[in-house]
N, C-alpha and C. Protein backbone atom coordinates (compact mmCIF):
# COMPACT_ATOMS: atom_id res chain seq x y z
N UNK A 1 -50.25 -10.50 -67.73
CA UNK A 1 -49.72 -11.69 -67.08
C UNK A 1 -48.36 -11.29 -66.82
N UNK A 2 -47.51 -11.32 -67.68
CA UNK A 2 -46.25 -11.08 -67.67
C UNK A 2 -45.89 -9.57 -66.74
N UNK A 3 -46.53 -8.58 -66.75
CA UNK A 3 -46.34 -7.52 -66.44
C UNK A 3 -46.84 -7.68 -64.57
N UNK A 4 -47.70 -8.24 -64.49
CA UNK A 4 -48.10 -8.43 -63.03
C UNK A 4 -47.35 -9.35 -62.50
N UNK A 5 -46.54 -10.74 -63.25
CA UNK A 5 -45.53 -11.39 -62.44
C UNK A 5 -44.49 -10.29 -62.31
N UNK A 6 -44.26 -9.48 -62.68
CA UNK A 6 -42.96 -8.66 -62.95
C UNK A 6 -43.25 -8.02 -61.79
N UNK A 7 -44.33 -7.15 -61.55
CA UNK A 7 -44.60 -6.32 -60.31
C UNK A 7 -44.40 -7.24 -59.06
N UNK A 8 -45.12 -8.36 -59.04
CA UNK A 8 -44.97 -8.84 -57.57
C UNK A 8 -43.66 -9.83 -57.50
N UNK A 9 -42.61 -9.79 -58.44
CA UNK A 9 -41.33 -10.07 -58.25
C UNK A 9 -40.66 -8.87 -57.43
N UNK A 10 -40.91 -7.90 -57.99
CA UNK A 10 -40.22 -6.75 -57.54
C UNK A 10 -40.69 -6.41 -56.05
N UNK A 11 -42.03 -6.68 -55.84
CA UNK A 11 -42.45 -6.66 -54.37
C UNK A 11 -41.78 -7.32 -53.48
N UNK A 12 -41.72 -8.93 -54.01
CA UNK A 12 -41.04 -9.71 -53.16
C UNK A 12 -39.43 -9.12 -53.10
N UNK A 13 -38.98 -9.10 -53.81
CA UNK A 13 -37.55 -8.50 -53.76
C UNK A 13 -37.26 -7.52 -52.91
N UNK A 14 -38.23 -6.18 -52.78
CA UNK A 14 -38.07 -5.33 -51.76
C UNK A 14 -38.59 -5.98 -50.53
N UNK A 15 -39.54 -6.39 -50.40
CA UNK A 15 -39.61 -7.04 -49.03
C UNK A 15 -38.05 -7.97 -48.28
N UNK A 16 -37.71 -8.98 -49.55
CA UNK A 16 -36.42 -9.51 -48.79
C UNK A 16 -35.55 -8.45 -48.56
N UNK A 17 -35.36 -7.28 -49.54
CA UNK A 17 -34.46 -6.50 -49.10
C UNK A 17 -34.41 -5.78 -47.90
N UNK A 18 -35.85 -5.61 -47.31
CA UNK A 18 -35.83 -4.80 -45.93
C UNK A 18 -35.70 -5.75 -45.03
N UNK A 19 -35.76 -7.08 -44.97
CA UNK A 19 -35.91 -7.88 -43.76
C UNK A 19 -34.44 -8.29 -43.57
N UNK A 20 -33.31 -8.24 -44.58
CA UNK A 20 -32.40 -8.36 -44.75
C UNK A 20 -31.36 -7.18 -43.88
N UNK A 21 -31.97 -5.75 -44.35
CA UNK A 21 -31.33 -4.97 -43.73
C UNK A 21 -31.68 -4.58 -42.21
N UNK A 22 -32.86 -5.11 -41.91
CA UNK A 22 -33.36 -4.78 -40.44
C UNK A 22 -32.45 -6.21 -39.71
N UNK A 23 -32.40 -7.07 -39.99
CA UNK A 23 -31.19 -8.06 -39.44
C UNK A 23 -29.92 -7.63 -39.48
N UNK A 24 -29.36 -7.04 -40.67
CA UNK A 24 -27.98 -6.37 -40.02
C UNK A 24 -27.76 -5.74 -39.43
N UNK A 25 -28.77 -4.72 -39.02
CA UNK A 25 -28.71 -3.65 -38.00
C UNK A 25 -28.93 -4.28 -36.47
N UNK A 26 -29.77 -5.14 -36.45
CA UNK A 26 -30.06 -5.80 -35.41
C UNK A 26 -28.65 -6.57 -34.90
N UNK A 27 -28.04 -7.38 -35.85
CA UNK A 27 -26.84 -7.93 -35.65
C UNK A 27 -25.81 -6.82 -35.30
N UNK A 28 -25.70 -5.69 -35.73
CA UNK A 28 -24.49 -4.77 -35.20
C UNK A 28 -24.82 -4.47 -34.08
N UNK A 29 -26.19 -4.02 -33.74
CA UNK A 29 -26.43 -3.75 -32.06
C UNK A 29 -26.10 -4.70 -31.01
N UNK A 30 -26.40 -6.08 -31.27
CA UNK A 30 -26.11 -7.32 -30.53
C UNK A 30 -24.62 -7.31 -30.23
N UNK A 31 -23.86 -7.32 -31.50
CA UNK A 31 -22.21 -7.36 -31.05
C UNK A 31 -21.70 -5.97 -30.42
N UNK A 32 -22.30 -4.81 -30.65
CA UNK A 32 -21.84 -3.63 -29.82
C UNK A 32 -21.85 -3.91 -28.46
N UNK A 33 -23.17 -4.33 -28.44
CA UNK A 33 -23.52 -4.45 -26.98
C UNK A 33 -22.98 -5.43 -26.12
N UNK A 34 -22.48 -6.59 -26.73
CA UNK A 34 -21.75 -7.65 -26.45
C UNK A 34 -20.46 -7.28 -25.65
N UNK A 35 -19.80 -6.19 -26.84
CA UNK A 35 -18.48 -5.86 -26.88
C UNK A 35 -18.49 -4.88 -25.79
N UNK A 36 -19.46 -4.11 -25.51
CA UNK A 36 -19.57 -3.17 -24.23
C UNK A 36 -19.46 -3.69 -23.26
N UNK A 37 -20.42 -5.08 -23.11
CA UNK A 37 -20.47 -5.48 -21.93
C UNK A 37 -19.42 -6.55 -21.41
N UNK A 38 -18.67 -6.94 -22.17
CA UNK A 38 -17.33 -7.35 -21.95
C UNK A 38 -16.45 -6.49 -21.69
N UNK A 39 -16.20 -5.32 -22.08
CA UNK A 39 -15.21 -4.09 -21.54
C UNK A 39 -15.62 -3.68 -19.97
N UNK A 40 -17.03 -3.86 -19.76
CA UNK A 40 -17.46 -3.42 -18.32
C UNK A 40 -17.31 -4.16 -17.52
N UNK A 41 -17.28 -5.94 -17.84
CA UNK A 41 -16.81 -6.92 -17.05
C UNK A 41 -15.42 -6.85 -16.57
N UNK A 42 -14.57 -6.41 -17.50
CA UNK A 42 -13.37 -6.28 -17.43
C UNK A 42 -12.90 -5.26 -16.81
N UNK A 43 -13.52 -3.87 -16.78
CA UNK A 43 -13.21 -3.00 -15.95
C UNK A 43 -13.56 -2.94 -14.06
N UNK A 44 -14.71 -3.75 -14.12
CA UNK A 44 -15.27 -4.07 -12.69
C UNK A 44 -14.05 -5.49 -12.24
N UNK A 45 -13.75 -6.26 -12.74
CA UNK A 45 -12.88 -7.40 -12.49
C UNK A 45 -11.50 -6.64 -12.25
N UNK A 46 -10.76 -5.91 -13.17
CA UNK A 46 -9.77 -5.07 -12.78
C UNK A 46 -9.81 -4.11 -11.48
N UNK A 47 -10.93 -3.58 -11.20
CA UNK A 47 -11.10 -2.64 -10.07
C UNK A 47 -11.33 -3.65 -9.02
N UNK A 48 -11.96 -4.53 -9.23
CA UNK A 48 -12.01 -5.34 -8.31
C UNK A 48 -10.64 -6.40 -7.42
N UNK A 49 -9.72 -6.48 -8.63
CA UNK A 49 -8.46 -7.18 -7.88
C UNK A 49 -7.49 -6.20 -7.42
N UNK A 50 -7.74 -4.95 -8.08
CA UNK A 50 -6.83 -3.85 -7.44
C UNK A 50 -7.03 -3.48 -5.91
N UNK A 51 -8.61 -3.25 -5.71
CA UNK A 51 -9.12 -3.29 -4.08
C UNK A 51 -8.50 -4.39 -3.25
N UNK A 52 -8.75 -5.52 -3.79
CA UNK A 52 -7.97 -6.77 -3.00
C UNK A 52 -6.56 -6.67 -2.97
N UNK A 53 -5.83 -6.49 -3.73
CA UNK A 53 -4.55 -6.06 -3.98
C UNK A 53 -3.99 -5.27 -2.84
N UNK A 54 -4.77 -3.91 -2.87
CA UNK A 54 -4.34 -2.55 -2.23
C UNK A 54 -4.58 -3.18 -0.36
N UNK A 55 -5.92 -4.16 -0.51
CA UNK A 55 -6.10 -4.15 0.77
C UNK A 55 -5.49 -5.36 1.66
N UNK A 56 -5.05 -6.43 1.05
CA UNK A 56 -4.58 -7.44 1.33
C UNK A 56 -2.70 -7.86 0.86
N UNK A 57 -2.51 -7.31 -0.11
CA UNK A 57 -0.96 -7.79 -0.89
C UNK A 57 -0.45 -6.46 -0.72
N UNK A 58 -0.31 -5.43 -1.39
CA UNK A 58 0.22 -4.10 -1.48
C UNK A 58 -0.38 -2.80 -1.79
N UNK A 59 0.23 -1.94 -1.50
CA UNK A 59 0.04 -0.49 -1.43
C UNK A 59 1.03 0.48 -1.69
N UNK A 60 0.65 1.64 -2.19
CA UNK A 60 1.72 2.58 -2.68
C UNK A 60 1.50 3.46 -1.24
N UNK A 61 2.64 4.20 -0.57
CA UNK A 61 2.60 4.94 0.31
C UNK A 61 3.40 6.06 -0.05
N UNK A 62 3.18 7.49 0.71
CA UNK A 62 3.82 8.59 0.35
C UNK A 62 4.53 8.95 1.70
N UNK A 63 5.63 9.50 1.60
CA UNK A 63 6.34 9.77 3.01
C UNK A 63 6.15 11.40 3.07
N UNK A 64 5.66 11.48 4.07
CA UNK A 64 5.18 12.92 4.06
C UNK A 64 6.18 13.95 5.61
N UNK A 65 7.12 13.19 5.87
CA UNK A 65 7.83 13.79 6.66
C UNK A 65 9.21 13.55 6.85
N UNK A 66 10.07 14.00 7.15
CA UNK A 66 11.92 13.74 7.28
C UNK A 66 12.15 13.11 8.46
N UNK A 67 11.50 12.08 9.19
CA UNK A 67 11.99 11.33 10.39
C UNK A 67 12.55 10.10 9.96
N UNK A 68 12.56 9.63 8.69
CA UNK A 68 13.30 8.65 8.37
C UNK A 68 14.69 8.83 7.32
N UNK A 69 14.78 10.28 7.29
CA UNK A 69 15.85 10.83 6.73
C UNK A 69 17.33 10.07 7.30
N UNK A 70 18.09 9.66 7.01
CA UNK A 70 18.42 9.66 5.23
C UNK A 70 17.89 8.66 4.32
N UNK A 71 17.10 7.53 5.23
CA UNK A 71 16.79 6.41 4.39
C UNK A 71 15.71 6.85 3.29
N UNK A 72 14.85 7.51 3.81
CA UNK A 72 13.33 8.02 2.95
C UNK A 72 13.60 9.69 3.13
N UNK A 73 13.23 10.09 2.18
CA UNK A 73 12.97 11.67 2.18
C UNK A 73 11.53 12.41 1.92
N UNK A 74 11.20 13.22 2.53
CA UNK A 74 9.87 13.75 2.14
C UNK A 74 9.72 13.68 0.56
N UNK A 75 8.44 13.25 0.28
CA UNK A 75 8.11 12.98 -1.03
C UNK A 75 8.37 11.72 -1.80
N UNK A 76 8.93 11.28 -1.11
CA UNK A 76 9.36 9.63 -1.71
C UNK A 76 8.11 8.87 -1.46
N UNK A 77 8.27 7.84 -2.38
CA UNK A 77 6.96 7.00 -2.61
C UNK A 77 7.49 5.36 -2.29
N UNK A 78 6.80 4.67 -1.56
CA UNK A 78 7.25 3.43 -1.30
C UNK A 78 6.08 2.53 -1.75
N UNK A 79 6.46 0.93 -2.12
CA UNK A 79 5.34 -0.10 -2.10
C UNK A 79 5.88 -0.61 -0.48
N UNK A 80 4.38 -0.78 -0.19
CA UNK A 80 4.37 -1.47 1.13
C UNK A 80 3.58 -2.91 0.96
N UNK A 81 4.47 -3.84 1.40
CA UNK A 81 3.67 -5.45 1.13
C UNK A 81 3.21 -5.89 2.78
N UNK A 82 2.16 -6.47 2.38
CA UNK A 82 1.14 -6.71 3.95
C UNK A 82 1.04 -8.38 3.73
N UNK A 83 1.94 -9.25 3.28
CA UNK A 83 1.97 -10.59 3.06
C UNK A 83 2.36 -11.02 4.05
N UNK A 84 3.83 -11.03 4.22
CA UNK A 84 4.96 -11.49 4.90
C UNK A 84 4.59 -11.46 6.42
N UNK A 85 4.00 -10.99 7.13
CA UNK A 85 3.94 -10.98 8.27
C UNK A 85 2.49 -11.73 8.78
N UNK A 86 2.07 -12.12 7.90
CA UNK A 86 1.01 -13.35 8.00
C UNK A 86 1.81 -14.70 8.45
N UNK A 87 3.09 -14.94 7.69
CA UNK A 87 3.82 -15.71 7.59
C UNK A 87 5.28 -15.92 8.93
N UNK A 88 5.51 -14.70 9.44
CA UNK A 88 6.78 -14.61 10.18
C UNK A 88 6.31 -13.09 10.95
N UNK A 89 6.85 -13.17 12.03
CA UNK A 89 6.77 -11.77 12.92
C UNK A 89 7.77 -10.79 12.06
N UNK A 90 7.43 -9.24 12.67
CA UNK A 90 8.43 -8.19 12.34
C UNK A 90 9.99 -8.63 12.46
N UNK A 91 10.80 -8.34 11.92
CA UNK A 91 12.34 -8.44 12.35
C UNK A 91 13.07 -7.15 12.90
N UNK A 92 14.07 -7.10 13.81
CA UNK A 92 14.70 -5.74 13.75
C UNK A 92 15.31 -5.32 12.44
N UNK A 93 15.38 -3.91 12.15
CA UNK A 93 15.58 -3.41 10.95
C UNK A 93 14.68 -3.09 9.89
N UNK A 94 13.37 -4.04 10.17
CA UNK A 94 12.41 -3.89 9.23
C UNK A 94 11.84 -2.39 9.20
N UNK A 95 11.41 -1.91 8.08
CA UNK A 95 11.07 -0.60 8.22
C UNK A 95 9.16 -0.92 7.68
N UNK A 96 8.55 -0.27 8.76
CA UNK A 96 7.12 -0.66 9.05
C UNK A 96 6.14 0.77 8.98
N UNK A 97 4.93 0.51 8.21
CA UNK A 97 3.72 1.38 8.01
C UNK A 97 3.08 0.66 9.04
N UNK A 98 2.20 1.86 9.94
CA UNK A 98 1.56 1.35 10.75
C UNK A 98 0.29 2.50 11.24
N UNK A 99 -0.82 1.92 11.64
CA UNK A 99 -1.74 3.12 12.21
C UNK A 99 -1.73 3.75 13.39
N UNK A 100 -1.79 5.10 13.92
CA UNK A 100 -1.02 5.28 15.15
C UNK A 100 -1.93 4.95 16.26
N UNK A 101 -1.11 4.38 17.43
CA UNK A 101 -1.67 3.66 18.70
C UNK A 101 -2.40 4.61 19.07
N UNK A 102 -2.87 4.30 20.60
CA UNK A 102 -3.73 5.16 21.23
C UNK A 102 -3.00 6.33 21.60
N UNK A 103 -1.99 6.14 22.10
CA UNK A 103 -1.41 7.46 22.83
C UNK A 103 -1.10 8.75 21.53
N UNK A 104 -1.12 8.24 20.31
CA UNK A 104 -0.93 9.14 19.28
C UNK A 104 -2.43 9.63 18.68
N UNK A 105 -3.26 8.58 18.87
CA UNK A 105 -4.73 8.99 18.76
C UNK A 105 -5.02 10.42 19.85
N UNK A 106 -4.50 10.08 20.86
CA UNK A 106 -4.90 11.03 22.03
C UNK A 106 -4.30 12.30 21.54
N UNK A 107 -3.58 12.45 20.72
CA UNK A 107 -2.58 13.79 20.19
C UNK A 107 -3.45 14.27 19.31
N UNK A 108 -4.38 13.60 18.43
CA UNK A 108 -5.20 14.31 17.45
C UNK A 108 -4.99 13.35 16.12
N UNK A 109 -4.09 12.38 16.10
CA UNK A 109 -3.76 11.89 14.78
C UNK A 109 -4.95 10.73 14.79
N UNK A 110 -5.56 10.62 13.20
CA UNK A 110 -6.29 9.62 13.21
C UNK A 110 -5.91 8.13 12.53
N UNK A 111 -6.60 7.39 12.31
CA UNK A 111 -6.66 6.02 12.03
C UNK A 111 -5.88 6.02 10.63
N UNK A 112 -6.14 6.89 9.75
CA UNK A 112 -5.77 6.98 8.34
C UNK A 112 -4.33 7.75 8.23
N UNK A 113 -3.94 8.50 9.30
CA UNK A 113 -2.69 8.93 8.87
C UNK A 113 -1.55 8.07 9.56
N UNK A 114 -0.97 7.29 8.45
CA UNK A 114 -0.27 6.31 8.99
C UNK A 114 1.25 6.80 9.19
N UNK A 115 2.06 6.05 10.04
CA UNK A 115 3.27 6.15 10.39
C UNK A 115 4.39 5.30 9.59
N UNK A 116 5.71 5.66 9.76
CA UNK A 116 6.38 4.49 9.07
C UNK A 116 7.76 4.82 9.96
N UNK A 117 8.27 3.82 10.43
CA UNK A 117 9.33 4.01 11.28
C UNK A 117 10.24 2.46 11.16
N UNK A 118 11.39 2.22 11.65
CA UNK A 118 12.34 1.08 11.70
C UNK A 118 11.75 0.48 13.04
N UNK A 119 11.63 -0.77 12.94
CA UNK A 119 11.84 -1.91 13.97
C UNK A 119 12.87 -2.21 14.73
N UNK A 120 13.37 -1.48 15.75
CA UNK A 120 14.37 -1.74 17.01
C UNK A 120 14.32 -2.73 17.77
N UNK A 121 13.50 -2.55 18.57
CA UNK A 121 13.11 -3.58 19.76
C UNK A 121 11.95 -4.53 19.73
N UNK A 122 12.21 -6.09 19.77
CA UNK A 122 11.21 -7.27 19.43
C UNK A 122 10.53 -7.44 20.82
N UNK A 123 9.66 -8.05 20.81
CA UNK A 123 8.69 -8.53 21.98
C UNK A 123 9.85 -9.45 22.92
N UNK A 124 10.05 -8.78 24.41
CA UNK A 124 10.79 -9.55 25.17
C UNK A 124 12.03 -8.97 25.33
N UNK A 125 12.61 -8.08 24.52
CA UNK A 125 13.89 -7.41 24.25
C UNK A 125 13.88 -6.32 25.35
N UNK A 126 15.14 -6.01 25.94
CA UNK A 126 15.29 -4.87 26.97
C UNK A 126 15.82 -3.71 25.85
N UNK A 127 15.30 -2.36 25.66
CA UNK A 127 15.89 -1.29 25.01
C UNK A 127 16.22 -0.24 25.92
N UNK A 128 17.68 0.20 25.44
CA UNK A 128 17.71 1.69 26.34
C UNK A 128 18.61 2.43 25.33
N UNK A 129 18.21 3.77 25.46
CA UNK A 129 18.76 4.63 24.46
C UNK A 129 19.90 5.55 25.47
N UNK A 130 21.30 5.50 25.36
CA UNK A 130 22.02 6.57 26.22
C UNK A 130 23.53 6.78 25.53
N UNK A 131 24.16 7.87 25.62
CA UNK A 131 25.22 8.24 25.27
C UNK A 131 25.50 8.19 23.77
N UNK A 132 24.25 8.08 23.20
CA UNK A 132 24.42 8.47 21.72
C UNK A 132 23.69 6.94 21.04
N UNK A 133 23.76 5.98 21.58
CA UNK A 133 23.76 4.63 21.06
C UNK A 133 22.42 4.03 21.60
N UNK A 134 21.83 3.30 20.97
CA UNK A 134 20.60 2.20 21.38
C UNK A 134 21.15 0.73 21.70
N UNK A 135 20.83 0.36 22.95
CA UNK A 135 21.31 -0.80 23.18
C UNK A 135 19.81 -1.68 23.44
N UNK A 136 20.33 -3.07 22.80
CA UNK A 136 19.21 -4.22 22.98
C UNK A 136 19.77 -5.09 23.82
N UNK A 137 18.99 -5.40 24.75
CA UNK A 137 19.66 -6.22 25.92
C UNK A 137 20.86 -6.11 26.34
N UNK A 138 21.16 -4.74 27.01
CA UNK A 138 22.45 -4.05 27.22
C UNK A 138 23.68 -4.29 26.44
N UNK A 139 23.74 -4.42 25.10
CA UNK A 139 24.65 -4.44 23.92
C UNK A 139 24.37 -3.58 23.14
N UNK A 140 25.18 -2.48 22.83
CA UNK A 140 25.06 -1.44 21.66
C UNK A 140 24.57 -2.09 20.12
N UNK A 141 24.11 -1.41 19.32
CA UNK A 141 23.90 -2.07 18.00
C UNK A 141 24.37 -0.91 16.96
N UNK A 142 24.85 -1.43 16.05
CA UNK A 142 25.60 -0.66 14.73
C UNK A 142 24.52 -0.17 13.99
N UNK A 143 24.23 1.23 14.02
CA UNK A 143 23.32 1.70 12.88
C UNK A 143 23.54 2.51 11.88
N UNK A 144 24.32 2.07 10.90
CA UNK A 144 24.62 2.70 9.78
C UNK A 144 23.79 3.64 9.12
N UNK A 145 22.46 3.07 9.18
CA UNK A 145 21.24 4.35 8.42
C UNK A 145 20.74 5.48 9.14
N UNK A 146 21.25 5.81 10.41
CA UNK A 146 20.62 6.80 11.30
C UNK A 146 21.72 8.14 10.37
N UNK A 147 20.49 9.38 10.83
CA UNK A 147 21.05 10.58 10.18
C UNK A 147 21.90 11.23 11.19
N UNK A 148 21.92 11.00 12.64
CA UNK A 148 22.88 11.01 13.72
C UNK A 148 22.69 10.58 14.99
N UNK A 149 23.73 10.61 16.02
CA UNK A 149 23.34 9.76 17.06
C UNK A 149 22.27 10.36 17.89
N UNK A 150 21.37 9.53 18.66
CA UNK A 150 20.25 10.42 19.40
C UNK A 150 20.99 11.27 20.43
N UNK A 151 20.40 12.19 20.78
CA UNK A 151 20.98 13.12 21.68
C UNK A 151 20.28 13.04 23.04
N UNK A 152 19.27 11.89 23.07
CA UNK A 152 18.47 11.87 24.70
C UNK A 152 18.85 10.46 25.39
N UNK A 153 18.15 10.39 26.35
CA UNK A 153 18.41 9.20 27.13
C UNK A 153 16.97 8.49 27.13
N UNK A 154 16.79 7.44 27.24
CA UNK A 154 15.42 6.55 27.29
C UNK A 154 15.78 5.36 27.76
N UNK A 155 15.26 4.53 28.61
CA UNK A 155 14.96 3.11 29.18
C UNK A 155 16.05 3.10 30.50
N UNK A 156 16.60 2.04 30.58
CA UNK A 156 15.53 0.46 29.72
C UNK A 156 14.60 0.21 30.31
N UNK A 157 13.87 -0.43 28.97
CA UNK A 157 12.46 -1.01 29.47
C UNK A 157 12.36 -2.01 28.54
N UNK A 158 11.76 -3.23 28.82
CA UNK A 158 11.40 -4.36 28.34
C UNK A 158 10.02 -4.14 27.52
N UNK A 159 10.20 -4.70 26.24
CA UNK A 159 9.28 -4.52 25.22
C UNK A 159 8.00 -5.81 25.42
N UNK A 160 6.88 -5.19 25.63
CA UNK A 160 5.70 -6.20 26.04
C UNK A 160 5.68 -7.45 25.16
N UNK A 161 4.91 -8.18 25.20
CA UNK A 161 4.63 -9.43 24.32
C UNK A 161 3.73 -8.50 23.06
N UNK A 162 3.68 -8.87 22.09
CA UNK A 162 3.12 -8.75 20.76
C UNK A 162 3.00 -7.13 20.74
N UNK A 163 4.48 -6.47 20.96
CA UNK A 163 4.34 -5.11 20.96
C UNK A 163 6.02 -4.89 20.31
N UNK A 164 6.08 -3.75 19.59
CA UNK A 164 7.44 -3.47 19.23
C UNK A 164 7.90 -2.15 19.58
N UNK A 165 9.45 -1.81 19.80
CA UNK A 165 9.86 -0.52 19.79
C UNK A 165 10.47 -0.10 18.43
N UNK A 166 9.89 0.94 17.92
CA UNK A 166 10.24 1.32 16.63
C UNK A 166 10.60 3.20 16.57
N UNK A 167 11.64 3.06 15.82
CA UNK A 167 12.18 4.41 15.86
C UNK A 167 12.42 4.94 14.46
N UNK A 168 12.51 6.38 14.16
CA UNK A 168 12.76 7.20 13.04
C UNK A 168 14.11 6.98 12.92
N UNK A 169 14.94 6.89 11.73
CA UNK A 169 16.29 6.79 11.32
C UNK A 169 16.70 8.48 11.78
N UNK A 170 16.09 9.21 11.56
CA UNK A 170 16.50 10.59 11.73
C UNK A 170 15.98 11.10 13.25
N UNK A 171 16.85 10.40 14.26
CA UNK A 171 16.65 10.20 15.43
C UNK A 171 16.07 11.42 16.47
N UNK A 172 16.83 12.52 16.21
CA UNK A 172 16.55 13.40 16.97
C UNK A 172 15.68 14.43 16.38
N UNK A 173 14.96 13.79 15.37
CA UNK A 173 13.29 14.25 14.71
C UNK A 173 12.42 13.44 14.21
N UNK A 174 11.93 12.73 15.51
CA UNK A 174 11.20 11.52 15.22
C UNK A 174 10.03 11.72 16.04
N UNK A 175 8.89 11.62 15.66
CA UNK A 175 7.73 10.78 16.80
C UNK A 175 7.43 9.41 16.79
N UNK A 176 8.21 8.94 17.66
CA UNK A 176 8.63 7.52 17.67
C UNK A 176 8.52 7.06 19.14
N UNK A 177 8.48 5.41 19.43
CA UNK A 177 8.34 4.55 20.41
C UNK A 177 8.93 5.50 21.71
N UNK A 178 10.04 6.18 21.50
CA UNK A 178 10.74 7.03 22.70
C UNK A 178 9.96 8.09 22.92
N UNK A 179 9.11 8.28 22.51
CA UNK A 179 7.73 9.58 22.91
C UNK A 179 6.74 9.08 23.24
N UNK A 180 5.96 7.81 22.47
CA UNK A 180 4.78 7.83 23.09
C UNK A 180 4.84 5.90 23.39
N UNK A 181 5.91 5.29 23.20
CA UNK A 181 5.56 3.96 23.57
C UNK A 181 5.71 3.02 22.99
N UNK A 182 5.36 1.71 22.95
CA UNK A 182 5.44 0.57 22.19
C UNK A 182 4.46 0.53 21.18
N UNK A 183 4.86 -0.24 20.06
CA UNK A 183 3.63 -0.45 18.85
C UNK A 183 3.03 -1.59 18.91
N UNK A 184 1.97 -1.71 19.20
CA UNK A 184 0.91 -2.65 19.16
C UNK A 184 0.97 -3.68 17.68
N UNK A 185 1.64 -4.94 17.84
CA UNK A 185 1.49 -5.98 16.58
C UNK A 185 0.21 -5.61 15.76
N UNK A 186 -0.85 -5.44 16.28
CA UNK A 186 -2.32 -5.20 15.36
C UNK A 186 -2.14 -4.12 14.41
N UNK A 187 -1.46 -2.83 14.91
CA UNK A 187 -1.55 -1.77 14.49
C UNK A 187 -0.42 -1.58 13.08
N UNK A 188 0.31 -2.71 12.84
CA UNK A 188 1.08 -2.96 11.77
C UNK A 188 0.46 -3.11 10.53
N UNK A 189 0.38 -2.36 9.34
CA UNK A 189 0.06 -2.45 8.27
C UNK A 189 0.93 -3.26 7.19
N UNK A 190 1.99 -2.98 7.06
CA UNK A 190 2.93 -3.71 6.48
C UNK A 190 4.33 -2.98 6.46
N UNK A 191 5.23 -3.93 5.52
CA UNK A 191 6.68 -3.62 5.57
C UNK A 191 6.64 -3.04 4.19
N UNK A 192 7.56 -1.75 4.31
CA UNK A 192 7.74 -0.85 3.15
C UNK A 192 9.08 -1.64 2.85
N UNK A 193 9.27 -2.25 1.29
CA UNK A 193 10.03 -2.82 0.67
C UNK A 193 10.61 -1.98 -0.74
N UNK A 194 9.93 -1.24 -0.99
CA UNK A 194 10.71 -0.86 -2.63
C UNK A 194 10.09 0.73 -2.65
N UNK A 195 11.26 1.53 -2.61
CA UNK A 195 11.02 3.04 -3.15
C UNK A 195 11.07 3.02 -4.94
N UNK A 196 9.38 3.63 -5.27
CA UNK A 196 9.79 3.79 -6.64
C UNK A 196 9.37 5.24 -7.62
N UNK A 197 9.84 6.00 -6.47
CA UNK A 197 9.93 7.52 -6.69
C UNK A 197 10.69 8.31 -5.54
N UNK A 198 11.41 9.23 -5.98
CA UNK A 198 11.95 9.44 -7.48
C UNK A 198 12.45 8.41 -8.13
N UNK A 199 12.53 8.71 -9.48
CA UNK A 199 13.13 7.55 -10.31
C UNK A 199 14.61 7.27 -9.72
N UNK A 200 15.69 8.35 -9.83
CA UNK A 200 16.88 8.32 -9.51
C UNK A 200 17.41 7.89 -8.15
N UNK A 201 16.20 7.58 -7.40
CA UNK A 201 16.50 6.95 -6.01
C UNK A 201 15.58 5.58 -5.87
N UNK A 202 15.19 4.91 -7.09
CA UNK A 202 14.31 3.72 -7.23
C UNK A 202 15.26 2.67 -6.51
N UNK A 203 14.77 1.72 -5.71
CA UNK A 203 15.21 0.66 -5.16
C UNK A 203 14.92 0.24 -4.00
N UNK A 204 15.44 -0.85 -3.34
CA UNK A 204 14.73 -1.39 -2.01
C UNK A 204 15.27 -0.65 -1.02
N UNK A 205 14.53 -0.49 -0.12
CA UNK A 205 14.80 0.16 1.54
C UNK A 205 14.96 -0.61 2.59
């Protein structure tokens, strides 16, 4: 009697022990899955935010040519913000990144080969290049940012509505509006605001 009770007690204890181990294992897997699922959610949200920010707010850009020397050099990296032009139009002096207009596409450039130039002429203004100076509405403008004075003549021409006249700071080595015409507003991607590389030249542009 006593022996049977002992055996029964042992069996019950063994069964209880197995149930506890199984429950513990199940709980561990549940916790691991929950933690992994939360991490996956965080990664998806972060990627989604990165895509939205790049598309609508700001994005990094690489400078591939010397058309903006001395302001920007080959290999410089800049942040291009995309918000301000929803609130106000580009201004003279802004450095803009844009998709190539039709005339550049006819030369073989594709939509993803963005250009970067400085806005000079606004819609309605008359632009001319002569005697080493750029004229807006028949008045020469002071340009301390250029590599050297332009050695060519251009204009005068009136900038059409919703278009801009853009030039590279390296005036004599720049594929800009003086060669292919005016830049449609809808082609503008955003405004270059900050150079973040190289580190020794970090700062506003």
